[in-house]
Protein backbone atom coordinates (compact mmCIF):
# COMPACT_ATOMS: atom_id res chain seq x y z
CA UNK A 1 -51.64 67.05 -14.48
CA UNK A 2 -47.91 67.92 -14.20
CA UNK A 3 -46.06 66.09 -16.83
CA UNK A 4 -42.15 66.69 -16.66
CA UNK A 5 -40.06 68.92 -14.74
CA UNK A 6 -36.66 70.93 -15.54
CA UNK A 7 -34.28 72.19 -13.44
CA UNK A 8 -33.07 75.69 -13.28
CA UNK A 9 -29.16 76.38 -12.18
CA UNK A 10 -28.48 80.01 -11.59
CA UNK A 11 -24.78 80.22 -12.90
CA UNK A 12 -22.03 83.06 -13.73
CA UNK A 13 -21.15 81.89 -16.92
CA UNK A 14 -23.32 79.51 -18.98
CA UNK A 15 -20.59 78.72 -21.58
CA UNK A 16 -18.62 76.77 -18.19
CA UNK A 17 -21.69 74.91 -17.46
CA UNK A 18 -22.09 73.68 -20.96
CA UNK A 19 -18.22 73.11 -21.60
CA UNK A 20 -18.20 70.79 -18.10
CA UNK A 21 -21.78 69.17 -18.89
CA UNK A 22 -21.10 68.55 -22.30
CA UNK A 23 -17.78 67.21 -22.27
CA UNK A 24 -17.10 66.11 -18.77
CA UNK A 25 -20.96 64.25 -18.55
CA UNK A 26 -22.00 63.91 -21.69
CA UNK A 27 -25.23 66.07 -21.99
CA UNK A 28 -26.55 66.84 -25.68
CA UNK A 29 -27.52 70.43 -26.04
CA UNK A 30 -30.94 71.23 -26.10
CA UNK A 31 -31.12 74.79 -26.35
CA UNK A 32 -29.26 77.64 -26.23
CA UNK A 33 -30.06 81.38 -26.35
CA UNK A 34 -27.51 84.47 -26.74
CA UNK A 35 -28.61 88.07 -25.29
CA UNK A 36 -30.38 90.35 -26.93
CA UNK A 37 -28.18 93.50 -26.17
CA UNK A 38 -24.95 91.15 -27.29
CA UNK A 39 -25.38 88.39 -29.35
CA UNK A 40 -21.43 86.98 -28.13
CA UNK A 41 -23.13 86.34 -24.70
CA UNK A 42 -25.54 82.88 -23.85
CA UNK A 43 -27.87 83.77 -21.00
CA UNK A 44 -29.28 80.47 -21.57
CA UNK A 45 -28.81 76.56 -22.29
CA UNK A 46 -31.13 73.88 -21.79
CA UNK A 47 -28.68 70.59 -21.57
CA UNK A 48 -30.17 66.81 -22.01
CA UNK A 49 -29.17 63.27 -21.49
CA UNK A 50 -31.50 60.87 -21.78
CA UNK A 51 -34.60 62.28 -19.94
CA UNK A 52 -32.66 64.48 -18.01
CA UNK A 53 -33.06 68.35 -18.94
CA UNK A 54 -31.09 71.10 -16.55
CA UNK A 55 -31.22 74.62 -17.68
CA UNK A 56 -28.43 76.83 -17.01
CA UNK A 57 -29.37 80.70 -16.79
CA UNK A 58 -27.00 83.91 -16.01
CA UNK A 59 -29.88 86.46 -14.68
CA UNK A 60 -30.21 89.52 -16.48
CA UNK A 61 -29.99 92.76 -15.10
CA UNK A 62 -33.49 93.24 -13.71
CA UNK A 63 -32.95 89.83 -12.05
CA UNK A 64 -29.56 90.06 -10.14
CA UNK A 65 -31.16 91.58 -7.03
CA UNK A 66 -33.40 88.26 -6.82
CA UNK A 67 -30.67 85.90 -7.31
CA UNK A 68 -27.78 87.49 -5.24
CA UNK A 69 -28.72 85.87 -2.46
CA UNK A 70 -28.60 82.15 -4.26
CA UNK A 71 -25.36 83.18 -5.08
CA UNK A 72 -24.23 83.89 -1.54
CA UNK A 73 -25.58 80.48 -0.78
CA UNK A 74 -22.10 77.83 -0.25
CA UNK A 75 -24.30 75.32 -1.46
CA UNK A 76 -26.79 76.96 -3.38
CA UNK A 77 -29.16 73.92 -1.73
CA UNK A 78 -29.37 72.94 -5.16
CA UNK A 79 -28.61 68.86 -5.96
CA UNK A 80 -29.58 66.99 -8.75
CA UNK A 81 -30.66 63.03 -8.83
CA UNK A 82 -30.35 61.24 -11.74
CA UNK A 83 -31.73 57.75 -12.54
CA UNK A 84 -30.02 55.63 -15.11
CA UNK A 85 -30.93 52.38 -16.49
CA UNK A 86 -27.71 50.78 -17.31
CA UNK A 87 -24.19 51.73 -17.48
CA UNK A 88 -23.35 53.21 -14.08
CA UNK A 89 -20.02 51.89 -13.57
CA UNK A 90 -19.34 52.42 -17.05
CA UNK A 91 -20.30 56.35 -16.42
CA UNK A 92 -18.45 56.17 -13.09
CA UNK A 93 -15.19 55.17 -14.75
CA UNK A 94 -15.79 57.65 -17.49
CA UNK A 95 -16.41 60.53 -14.80
CA UNK A 96 -13.01 59.70 -13.20
CA UNK A 97 -11.29 59.53 -16.60
CA UNK A 98 -12.32 62.92 -17.36
CA UNK A 99 -11.33 64.60 -14.10
CA UNK A 100 -14.82 64.81 -12.48
CA UNK A 101 -14.76 65.46 -8.51
CA UNK A 102 -15.93 62.61 -7.56
CA UNK A 103 -17.22 62.62 -4.02
CA UNK A 104 -17.78 59.06 -3.19
CA UNK A 105 -17.66 55.68 -5.51
CA UNK A 106 -20.51 53.29 -6.62
CA UNK A 107 -21.97 51.83 -3.60
CA UNK A 108 -25.00 49.53 -2.73
CA UNK A 109 -28.05 51.03 -1.20
CA UNK A 110 -30.62 49.52 1.21
CA UNK A 111 -33.47 50.87 -0.98
CA UNK A 112 -31.84 48.14 -3.79
CA UNK A 113 -29.93 51.07 -5.95
CA UNK A 114 -26.17 51.55 -6.50
CA UNK A 115 -25.04 55.14 -6.51
CA UNK A 116 -22.26 57.74 -6.90
CA UNK A 117 -22.32 61.19 -6.31
CA UNK A 118 -20.02 64.39 -8.24
CA UNK A 119 -19.84 68.14 -7.72
CA UNK A 120 -19.90 70.02 -10.42
CA UNK A 121 -17.81 73.28 -11.15
CA UNK A 122 -20.71 75.34 -9.20
CA UNK A 123 -20.77 73.36 -6.16
CA UNK A 124 -23.76 71.54 -7.55
CA UNK A 125 -24.27 67.66 -5.83
CA UNK A 126 -25.07 65.29 -8.63
CA UNK A 127 -25.89 61.18 -7.56
CA UNK A 128 -26.16 59.26 -10.28
CA UNK A 129 -28.65 55.97 -9.34
CA UNK A 130 -28.97 53.08 -10.94
CA UNK A 131 -31.30 49.26 -10.07
CA UNK A 132 -29.62 46.89 -9.10
CA UNK A 133 -29.59 43.86 -11.30
CA UNK A 134 -31.33 41.64 -8.60
CA UNK A 135 -35.38 42.40 -7.73
CA UNK A 136 -36.74 42.67 -4.28
CA UNK A 137 -39.97 41.84 -3.23
CA UNK A 138 -40.10 43.86 -0.40
CA UNK A 139 -38.97 47.58 0.37
CA UNK A 140 -38.71 50.34 2.84
CA UNK A 141 -41.67 52.76 2.82
CA UNK A 142 -40.58 55.43 5.28
CA UNK A 143 -39.37 53.76 7.79
CA UNK A 144 -41.85 50.87 7.09
CA UNK A 145 -41.04 47.42 5.76
CA UNK A 146 -43.66 46.48 2.89
CA UNK A 147 -43.39 43.05 1.19
CA UNK A 148 -45.08 42.19 -1.95
CA UNK A 149 -47.98 39.57 -2.16
CA UNK A 150 -47.98 38.88 1.46
CA UNK A 151 -51.53 40.60 1.47
CA UNK A 152 -54.06 42.33 -0.09
CA UNK A 153 -53.40 45.46 -2.41
CA UNK A 154 -56.22 47.57 0.02
CA UNK A 155 -54.84 46.62 3.32
CA UNK A 156 -51.30 47.58 2.08
CA UNK A 157 -52.42 50.84 1.44
CA UNK A 158 -54.92 51.78 4.55
CA UNK A 159 -51.44 50.64 6.23
CA UNK A 160 -49.01 52.63 4.41
CA UNK A 161 -51.67 55.72 4.57
CA UNK A 162 -52.20 55.10 8.61
CA UNK A 163 -47.93 55.17 8.62
CA UNK A 164 -47.95 58.40 6.84
CA UNK A 165 -50.23 60.21 8.88
CA UNK A 166 -47.43 60.22 11.79
CA UNK A 167 -45.70 62.44 9.42
CA UNK A 168 -48.29 65.14 9.00
CA UNK A 169 -49.06 63.81 5.42
CA UNK A 170 -52.34 64.31 3.53
CA UNK A 171 -54.58 61.44 3.34
CA UNK A 172 -55.05 62.31 -0.52
CA UNK A 173 -51.57 62.67 -0.94
CA UNK A 174 -50.68 59.64 1.21
CA UNK A 175 -52.72 57.22 -0.73
CA UNK A 176 -51.79 58.43 -3.87
CA UNK A 177 -48.20 57.59 -2.92
CA UNK A 178 -48.47 54.53 -1.28
CA UNK A 179 -50.46 53.14 -4.71
CA UNK A 180 -47.71 54.09 -6.77
CA UNK A 181 -45.28 52.63 -4.45
CA UNK A 182 -46.83 49.10 -4.62
CA UNK A 183 -46.91 49.16 -8.57
CA UNK A 184 -43.64 50.66 -8.65
CA UNK A 185 -42.72 47.23 -6.36
CA UNK A 186 -44.55 44.59 -8.34
CA UNK A 187 -43.03 46.45 -11.63
CA UNK A 188 -39.28 45.32 -9.87
CA UNK A 189 -40.56 41.87 -8.80
CA UNK A 190 -41.33 40.74 -12.28
């Protein structure tokens, strides 16, 4: 069973990543590793903000060929979604004061969250999102509207699984996801 994951971002300069994420976004340093050949050069850094962990790494000589394609990609196909418990608007104001490139201001989404998006110096889009204060008793489930308390959980799960079959999702995965979504929805409505 998987318990956690961390995002690995390949960068040209670990020092530049540390500077941006600690000074502008208030991340904390969890771990640093220096080069074995040159102790004045950092090869990786683990940064943390709450439960969000990001690892920045410069590739070694052996890894350069492997990562050269990633470096050539304009967007590097990397983005982050950071779920916040509270203080989204305050954090947004902090980002603005620190000169962070904000792509859009905080706005309410149809899923009951409020979010804004920034871009870091490496081209990575970061979405900061927070659940809005009001609790919804219904939610969108991959294009299907689900309402809590209207039916038995078993019937709702079966309908959700059938709906996910249209996307060629295996029954086992669909059933686990449906149960998780109903559990999240029940927790929000309390």
